[in-house]
């Protein structure tokens, strides 16, 4: 009976350790999922920001090109 009790005690200890490890793994996966969600949200915000920045740059470049093209026709100091 002593060997049986010792074996059961060892098995119980291993089961408790496995349960603890599974709980830690689940917590870690949940934290990683939260981090991934934050990263996805930031990328979505950045994606929209780049579009606005590209549009503003294009409009500014177009207006500057127009000013440079029309500059010779502006009578300044003549």
C-alpha atoms as a PDB file:
ATOM      1  CA  UNK A   1       0.000   0.000   0.000  1.00  0.00           C
ATOM      2  CA  UNK A   2       2.854   2.351   0.618  1.00  0.00           C
ATOM      3  CA  UNK A   3       3.973   2.205  -3.002  1.00  0.00           C
ATOM      4  CA  UNK A   4       0.407   2.802  -4.129  1.00  0.00           C
ATOM      5  CA  UNK A   5       0.046   5.870  -1.894  1.00  0.00           C
ATOM      6  CA  UNK A   6       3.418   7.198  -3.020  1.00  0.00           C
ATOM      7  CA  UNK A   7       2.495   6.706  -6.672  1.00  0.00           C
ATOM      8  CA  UNK A   8      -0.858   8.427  -6.175  1.00  0.00           C
ATOM      9  CA  UNK A   9       0.860  11.329  -4.398  1.00  0.00           C
ATOM     10  CA  UNK A  10       3.341  11.730  -7.238  1.00  0.00           C
ATOM     11  CA  UNK A  11       0.577  11.571  -9.824  1.00  0.00           C
ATOM     12  CA  UNK A  12      -1.429  14.158  -7.893  1.00  0.00           C
ATOM     13  CA  UNK A  13       1.592  16.447  -7.717  1.00  0.00           C
ATOM     14  CA  UNK A  14       2.149  16.139 -11.446  1.00  0.00           C
ATOM     15  CA  UNK A  15      -1.505  16.869 -12.163  1.00  0.00           C
ATOM     16  CA  UNK A  16      -1.417  19.992  -9.990  1.00  0.00           C
ATOM     17  CA  UNK A  17       1.755  21.169 -11.769  1.00  0.00           C
ATOM     18  CA  UNK A  18       0.159  20.521 -15.173  1.00  0.00           C
ATOM     19  CA  UNK A  19      -2.963  22.443 -14.186  1.00  0.00           C
ATOM     20  CA  UNK A  20      -0.794  25.363 -13.056  1.00  0.00           C
ATOM     21  CA  UNK A  21       1.124  25.293 -16.337  1.00  0.00           C
ATOM     22  CA  UNK A  22      -2.094  25.213 -18.359  1.00  0.00           C
ATOM     23  CA  UNK A  23      -3.414  28.211 -16.416  1.00  0.00           C
ATOM     24  CA  UNK A  24      -0.181  30.126 -17.060  1.00  0.00           C
ATOM     25  CA  UNK A  25      -0.310  29.249 -20.763  1.00  0.00           C
ATOM     26  CA  UNK A  26      -3.927  30.406 -21.014  1.00  0.00           C
ATOM     27  CA  UNK A  27      -3.063  33.707 -19.298  1.00  0.00           C
ATOM     28  CA  UNK A  28      -0.094  34.185 -21.616  1.00  0.00           C
ATOM     29  CA  UNK A  29      -2.225  33.500 -24.698  1.00  0.00           C
ATOM     30  CA  UNK A  30      -4.840  35.970 -23.509  1.00  0.00           C
ATOM     31  CA  UNK A  31      -2.196  38.676 -23.008  1.00  0.00           C
ATOM     32  CA  UNK A  32      -0.738  37.975 -26.457  1.00  0.00           C
ATOM     33  CA  UNK A  33      -4.203  38.179 -27.986  1.00  0.00           C
ATOM     34  CA  UNK A  34      -4.763  41.555 -26.322  1.00  0.00           C
ATOM     35  CA  UNK A  35      -1.415  42.809 -27.591  1.00  0.00           C
ATOM     36  CA  UNK A  36      -2.208  41.588 -31.098  1.00  0.00           C
ATOM     37  CA  UNK A  37      -5.539  43.412 -30.976  1.00  0.00           C
ATOM     38  CA  UNK A  38      -3.754  46.623 -29.975  1.00  0.00           C
ATOM     39  CA  UNK A  39      -1.253  46.212 -32.803  1.00  0.00           C
ATOM     40  CA  UNK A  40      -4.034  45.625 -35.340  1.00  0.00           C
ATOM     41  CA  UNK A  41      -5.873  48.731 -34.124  1.00  0.00           C
ATOM     42  CA  UNK A  42      -2.728  50.863 -34.364  1.00  0.00           C
ATOM     43  CA  UNK A  43      -2.011  49.591 -37.874  1.00  0.00           C
ATOM     44  CA  UNK A  44      -5.556  50.419 -38.961  1.00  0.00           C
ATOM     45  CA  UNK A  45      -5.173  53.965 -37.596  1.00  0.00           C
ATOM     46  CA  UNK A  46      -1.782  54.366 -39.268  1.00  0.00           C
ATOM     47  CA  UNK A  47      -3.160  53.139 -42.571  1.00  0.00           C
ATOM     48  CA  UNK A  48      -5.755  55.916 -42.609  1.00  0.00           C
ATOM     49  CA  UNK A  49      -3.195  58.504 -41.534  1.00  0.00           C
ATOM     50  CA  UNK A  50      -0.886  57.653 -44.422  1.00  0.00           C
ATOM     51  CA  UNK A  51      -3.718  58.085 -46.883  1.00  0.00           C
ATOM     52  CA  UNK A  52      -4.484  61.566 -45.567  1.00  0.00           C
ATOM     53  CA  UNK A  53      -0.798  62.489 -45.592  1.00  0.00           C
ATOM     54  CA  UNK A  54      -0.380  61.245 -49.181  1.00  0.00           C
ATOM     55  CA  UNK A  55      -3.464  63.161 -50.315  1.00  0.00           C
ATOM     56  CA  UNK A  56      -2.295  66.384 -48.655  1.00  0.00           C
ATOM     57  CA  UNK A  57       1.158  66.010 -50.222  1.00  0.00           C
ATOM     58  CA  UNK A  58      -0.325  65.425 -53.656  1.00  0.00           C
ATOM     59  CA  UNK A  59      -2.581  68.454 -53.412  1.00  0.00           C
ATOM     60  CA  UNK A  60       0.290  70.613 -52.158  1.00  0.00           C
ATOM     61  CA  UNK A  61       2.591  69.450 -54.950  1.00  0.00           C
ATOM     62  CA  UNK A  62      -0.101  70.125 -57.550  1.00  0.00           C
ATOM     63  CA  UNK A  63      -0.720  73.642 -56.263  1.00  0.00           C
ATOM     64  CA  UNK A  64       3.007  74.386 -56.152  1.00  0.00           C
ATOM     65  CA  UNK A  65       3.419  73.143 -59.733  1.00  0.00           C
ATOM     66  CA  UNK A  66       0.576  75.466 -60.785  1.00  0.00           C
ATOM     67  CA  UNK A  67       2.201  78.433 -59.059  1.00  0.00           C
ATOM     68  CA  UNK A  68       5.567  77.692 -60.697  1.00  0.00           C
ATOM     69  CA  UNK A  69       3.941  77.383 -64.138  1.00  0.00           C
ATOM     70  CA  UNK A  70       2.074  80.687 -63.711  1.00  0.00           C
ATOM     71  CA  UNK A  71       4.994  82.565 -62.104  1.00  0.00           C
ATOM     72  CA  UNK A  72       6.468  83.920 -65.389  1.00  0.00           C
ATOM     73  CA  UNK A  73       3.107  85.540 -66.231  1.00  0.00           C
ATOM     74  CA  UNK A  74       2.797  87.479 -62.963  1.00  0.00           C
ATOM     75  CA  UNK A  75       3.879  91.116 -63.457  1.00  0.00           C
ATOM     76  CA  UNK A  76       6.114  91.756 -60.456  1.00  0.00           C
ATOM     77  CA  UNK A  77       8.113  95.010 -60.585  1.00  0.00           C
ATOM     78  CA  UNK A  78       7.658  95.593 -64.340  1.00  0.00           C
END
